[in-house]
Amino acid sequence: ATTLIRALAKTVLEGLPSAVPRGGAASVPGVVRGGSFANGGRRTFLANPCAKQAEPSSNSANATGGVWPYLLGLGGLIPFVCLTPPVASVVSDSLPPELMGLPGVGCTLRRAAEMQKNYAATIVSFLGAVHWGTALSGGGRSTALRFTWGVLPSLMAWGSLGLPSHEASLAGLSGSLVSCYVVDSAFFRQGLLPRWYMGLRLPLTVVACGSLSLSLYTSWSEREAAKAKPGETSS
């Protein structure tokens, strides 16, 4: 039996390369016909090593992105929400002194408005970098456009930070986040971004823009209240 198996394996290995036609099915005369043994024995399919392997199914975990993008996306909302000034004030009052004394915690919460703005600029830049990643990984179409758009969000975020007022910067960053979503939707319609990514992007964009809008309203309200105080005092 061992001799027969060795002889069979040798015959397959020697005959298969020359017996496989270009783009056709494997056919080894005297050994295999139609993908099965021709000697009446057990019919076992032999894969053609020269044939192109089937692509992974779109229904696999890659089609949904898995759980990690969703967990990381939710985690990325924490700075947006917790650094909104009203929320940061509540968090500061709720944390025990031991935690507030940890390096970076108290300082970050006391500078919540500034830290939230800087974090938003970082996220806008990250959303552009996604397109550099997709263009570098191949995929062919609109490569130059994707590379070009990939650097624009960074410039938009940088320009927003340089606007003359805190409220203007927050408005610019909110507009940048919305612009990134609109462009991502256009690329998705061209088949250049996966569906699960857009399903994740929408709620993240809504919460991030909502947090920045609340910060903008808080800053505007405080400024208007400060303007009204001198008049009240003089009266």
Protein backbone atom coordinates (compact mmCIF):
# COMPACT_ATOMS: atom_id res chain seq x y z
CA ALA A 1 0.00 0.00 0.00
CA THR A 2 2.84 2.37 0.84
CA THR A 3 4.53 1.68 -2.49
CA LEU A 4 1.27 2.32 -4.33
CA ILE A 5 0.73 5.64 -2.53
CA ARG A 6 4.29 6.76 -3.30
CA ALA A 7 3.94 5.82 -6.94
CA LEU A 8 0.61 7.62 -7.16
CA ALA A 9 2.02 10.78 -5.57
CA LYS A 10 5.04 10.74 -7.88
CA THR A 11 2.82 10.35 -10.91
CA VAL A 12 0.61 13.26 -9.84
CA LEU A 13 3.52 15.57 -9.10
CA GLU A 14 5.30 14.77 -12.36
CA GLY A 15 2.26 14.85 -14.58
CA LEU A 16 0.22 17.71 -13.14
CA PRO A 17 2.17 20.77 -14.40
CA SER A 18 2.23 19.57 -17.98
CA ALA A 19 -1.28 18.22 -17.86
CA VAL A 20 -3.00 21.38 -16.61
CA PRO A 21 -4.12 23.51 -19.56
CA ARG A 22 -4.09 27.30 -19.22
CA GLY A 23 -7.24 28.28 -17.33
CA GLY A 24 -8.56 24.72 -17.53
CA ALA A 25 -9.19 21.85 -15.14
CA ALA A 26 -6.51 19.45 -14.01
CA SER A 27 -6.31 16.21 -15.95
CA VAL A 28 -3.64 13.62 -15.22
CA PRO A 29 -3.92 10.72 -17.71
CA GLY A 30 -4.21 7.33 -16.06
CA VAL A 31 -4.53 8.84 -12.60
CA VAL A 32 -7.17 11.56 -12.39
CA ARG A 33 -10.01 12.42 -14.71
CA GLY A 34 -12.61 15.07 -13.97
CA GLY A 35 -11.21 15.75 -10.51
CA SER A 36 -11.56 12.15 -9.25
CA PHE A 37 -9.68 8.89 -9.29
CA ALA A 38 -10.34 6.93 -12.49
CA ASN A 39 -9.63 3.47 -11.08
CA GLY A 40 -13.09 3.08 -9.55
CA GLY A 41 -11.77 3.83 -6.08
CA ARG A 42 -12.85 6.55 -3.71
CA ARG A 43 -13.79 9.72 -5.60
CA THR A 44 -11.74 12.52 -4.05
CA PHE A 45 -11.54 16.01 -5.52
CA LEU A 46 -8.04 17.24 -6.30
CA ALA A 47 -7.65 21.04 -6.27
CA ASN A 48 -5.87 22.59 -9.20
CA PRO A 49 -2.90 24.53 -7.79
CA CYS A 50 -2.63 26.55 -11.00
CA ALA A 51 -6.20 27.79 -10.84
CA LYS A 52 -6.99 31.17 -9.28
CA GLN A 53 -8.21 30.75 -5.73
CA ALA A 54 -11.65 32.07 -4.89
CA GLU A 55 -11.81 35.41 -3.11
CA PRO A 56 -12.99 35.41 0.52
CA SER A 57 -16.70 35.76 0.88
CA SER A 58 -18.03 39.27 1.46
CA ASN A 59 -20.10 37.80 4.27
CA SER A 60 -17.00 37.10 6.34
CA ALA A 61 -15.85 39.16 9.35
CA ASN A 62 -14.03 41.51 6.96
CA ALA A 63 -17.38 42.62 5.56
CA THR A 64 -18.42 43.98 8.95
CA GLY A 65 -15.03 45.15 10.15
CA GLY A 66 -15.32 43.08 13.31
CA VAL A 67 -16.04 44.48 16.75
CA TRP A 68 -12.82 46.44 17.27
CA PRO A 69 -13.62 49.42 15.00
CA TYR A 70 -16.89 49.91 16.85
CA LEU A 71 -15.25 49.73 20.27
CA LEU A 72 -12.49 52.11 19.23
CA GLY A 73 -15.01 54.45 17.64
CA LEU A 74 -17.06 54.60 20.82
CA GLY A 75 -13.91 55.15 22.84
CA GLY A 76 -12.98 57.99 20.52
CA LEU A 77 -16.18 59.80 21.48
CA ILE A 78 -15.20 59.99 25.15
CA PRO A 79 -12.95 63.06 24.75
CA PHE A 80 -15.59 64.81 22.62
CA VAL A 81 -18.30 64.29 25.23
CA CYS A 82 -16.31 64.57 28.45
CA LEU A 83 -14.43 67.70 27.36
CA THR A 84 -17.62 69.60 26.56
CA PRO A 85 -17.42 72.34 29.23
CA PRO A 86 -20.71 71.53 31.04
CA VAL A 87 -19.85 67.83 31.12
CA ALA A 88 -16.25 68.52 32.14
CA SER A 89 -17.53 70.59 35.05
CA VAL A 90 -19.73 67.72 36.23
CA VAL A 91 -16.87 65.23 35.84
CA SER A 92 -14.52 67.49 37.81
CA ASP A 93 -17.00 67.77 40.66
CA SER A 94 -17.65 64.01 40.63
CA LEU A 95 -14.09 62.73 40.65
CA PRO A 96 -12.42 62.23 44.02
CA PRO A 97 -9.38 64.38 44.80
CA GLU A 98 -7.11 61.37 44.37
CA LEU A 99 -8.11 61.03 40.71
CA MET A 100 -8.08 64.75 40.05
CA GLY A 101 -4.54 64.79 41.38
CA LEU A 102 -3.31 62.24 38.86
CA PRO A 103 -0.95 63.65 36.20
CA GLY A 104 -2.93 65.12 33.33
CA VAL A 105 -6.44 64.55 34.70
CA GLY A 106 -7.09 67.81 36.53
CA CYS A 107 -5.12 69.84 34.00
CA THR A 108 -7.08 68.37 31.08
CA LEU A 109 -10.46 68.99 32.70
CA ARG A 110 -9.55 72.56 33.66
CA ARG A 111 -8.57 73.22 30.03
CA ALA A 112 -11.49 71.24 28.62
CA ALA A 113 -12.51 73.73 25.94
CA GLU A 114 -8.99 73.98 24.52
CA MET A 115 -8.31 70.25 24.77
CA GLN A 116 -11.58 69.36 23.02
CA LYS A 117 -10.76 71.72 20.18
CA ASN A 118 -7.29 70.24 19.72
CA TYR A 119 -8.66 66.70 19.86
CA ALA A 120 -11.25 67.52 17.21
CA ALA A 121 -8.50 68.81 14.92
CA THR A 122 -6.62 65.55 15.42
CA ILE A 123 -9.69 63.50 14.48
CA VAL A 124 -10.32 65.56 11.35
CA SER A 125 -6.73 64.87 10.28
CA PHE A 126 -7.21 61.17 10.99
CA LEU A 127 -10.28 61.04 8.74
CA GLY A 128 -8.17 62.29 5.86
CA ALA A 129 -5.44 59.75 6.59
CA VAL A 130 -7.99 56.96 6.05
CA HIS A 131 -8.00 57.82 2.34
CA TRP A 132 -4.22 57.69 2.13
CA GLY A 133 -4.44 54.20 3.61
CA THR A 134 -7.05 53.02 1.10
CA ALA A 135 -5.11 54.53 -1.80
CA LEU A 136 -1.84 52.95 -0.66
CA SER A 137 -3.48 49.55 -0.36
CA GLY A 138 -4.40 49.62 -4.05
CA GLY A 139 -7.82 49.31 -5.50
CA GLY A 140 -7.13 51.32 -8.62
CA ARG A 141 -9.80 53.95 -9.16
CA SER A 142 -9.55 57.62 -8.13
CA THR A 143 -6.11 57.11 -6.59
CA ALA A 144 -4.91 60.66 -7.29
CA LEU A 145 -8.16 62.09 -5.95
CA ARG A 146 -7.93 60.01 -2.78
CA PHE A 147 -4.32 61.05 -2.15
CA THR A 148 -5.27 64.69 -2.69
CA TRP A 149 -8.31 64.59 -0.42
CA GLY A 150 -6.27 62.69 2.18
CA VAL A 151 -4.21 65.82 2.98
CA LEU A 152 -7.01 68.39 2.82
CA PRO A 153 -8.66 67.55 6.20
CA SER A 154 -5.35 68.23 7.94
CA LEU A 155 -5.21 71.67 6.34
CA MET A 156 -8.86 72.29 7.22
CA ALA A 157 -8.22 71.39 10.86
CA TRP A 158 -5.07 73.51 11.02
CA GLY A 159 -6.89 76.47 9.49
CA SER A 160 -9.78 76.07 11.91
CA LEU A 161 -7.42 76.25 14.89
CA GLY A 162 -6.02 79.50 13.50
CA LEU A 163 -9.37 81.28 13.27
CA PRO A 164 -9.60 84.48 15.36
CA SER A 165 -12.06 83.29 18.00
CA HIS A 166 -12.80 80.11 19.94
CA GLU A 167 -16.33 79.99 18.58
CA ALA A 168 -15.09 80.32 14.99
CA SER A 169 -12.64 77.47 15.53
CA LEU A 170 -15.36 75.21 16.87
CA ALA A 171 -17.62 76.07 13.93
CA GLY A 172 -14.78 75.39 11.49
CA LEU A 173 -14.02 72.03 13.06
CA SER A 174 -17.69 71.03 13.03
CA GLY A 175 -17.90 71.98 9.37
CA SER A 176 -14.75 69.98 8.68
CA LEU A 177 -16.24 66.87 10.29
CA VAL A 178 -19.40 67.24 8.22
CA SER A 179 -17.35 67.79 5.05
CA CYS A 180 -15.36 64.63 5.74
CA TYR A 181 -18.58 62.65 6.08
CA VAL A 182 -19.99 64.06 2.84
CA VAL A 183 -16.81 63.18 0.92
CA ASP A 184 -16.68 59.73 2.50
CA SER A 185 -20.25 59.16 1.35
CA ALA A 186 -19.25 60.06 -2.20
CA PHE A 187 -16.34 57.61 -2.11
CA PHE A 188 -18.64 54.97 -0.65
CA ARG A 189 -21.01 55.35 -3.59
CA GLN A 190 -18.05 54.65 -5.87
CA GLY A 191 -17.37 51.42 -3.99
CA LEU A 192 -14.13 52.71 -2.43
CA LEU A 193 -15.22 52.46 1.22
CA PRO A 194 -17.00 49.54 2.94
CA ARG A 195 -20.60 49.81 4.06
CA TRP A 196 -19.81 49.04 7.70
CA TYR A 197 -17.42 52.00 7.83
CA MET A 198 -20.11 54.42 6.72
CA GLY A 199 -22.53 52.90 9.21
CA LEU A 200 -19.99 53.68 11.91
CA ARG A 201 -19.15 57.14 10.61
CA LEU A 202 -22.68 58.55 10.82
CA PRO A 203 -23.31 58.21 14.59
CA LEU A 204 -19.73 59.19 15.40
CA THR A 205 -20.03 62.34 13.29
CA VAL A 206 -23.37 63.26 14.85
CA VAL A 207 -22.07 62.91 18.43
CA ALA A 208 -18.80 64.70 17.69
CA CYS A 209 -20.52 67.63 15.97
CA GLY A 210 -23.14 67.74 18.71
CA SER A 211 -20.44 67.99 21.36
CA LEU A 212 -18.64 70.78 19.51
CA SER A 213 -21.94 72.59 18.98
CA LEU A 214 -22.70 72.42 22.69
CA SER A 215 -19.24 73.80 23.44
CA LEU A 216 -19.81 76.59 20.93
CA TYR A 217 -23.15 77.49 22.50
CA THR A 218 -21.63 77.44 26.00
CA SER A 219 -18.80 79.73 24.94
CA TRP A 220 -21.18 82.13 23.20
CA SER A 221 -23.52 82.18 26.21
CA GLU A 222 -20.67 82.93 28.60
CA ARG A 223 -19.40 85.71 26.36
CA GLU A 224 -22.85 87.27 26.08
CA ALA A 225 -23.33 87.01 29.84
CA ALA A 226 -19.99 88.74 30.39
CA LYS A 227 -21.06 91.58 28.10
CA ALA A 228 -24.31 92.04 29.99
CA LYS A 229 -22.72 92.28 33.44
CA PRO A 230 -21.13 95.74 33.09
CA GLY A 231 -24.47 97.20 31.98
CA GLU A 232 -26.26 95.64 34.91
CA THR A 233 -23.66 97.01 37.31
CA SER A 234 -23.84 100.55 35.93
CA SER A 235 -27.61 100.60 36.22
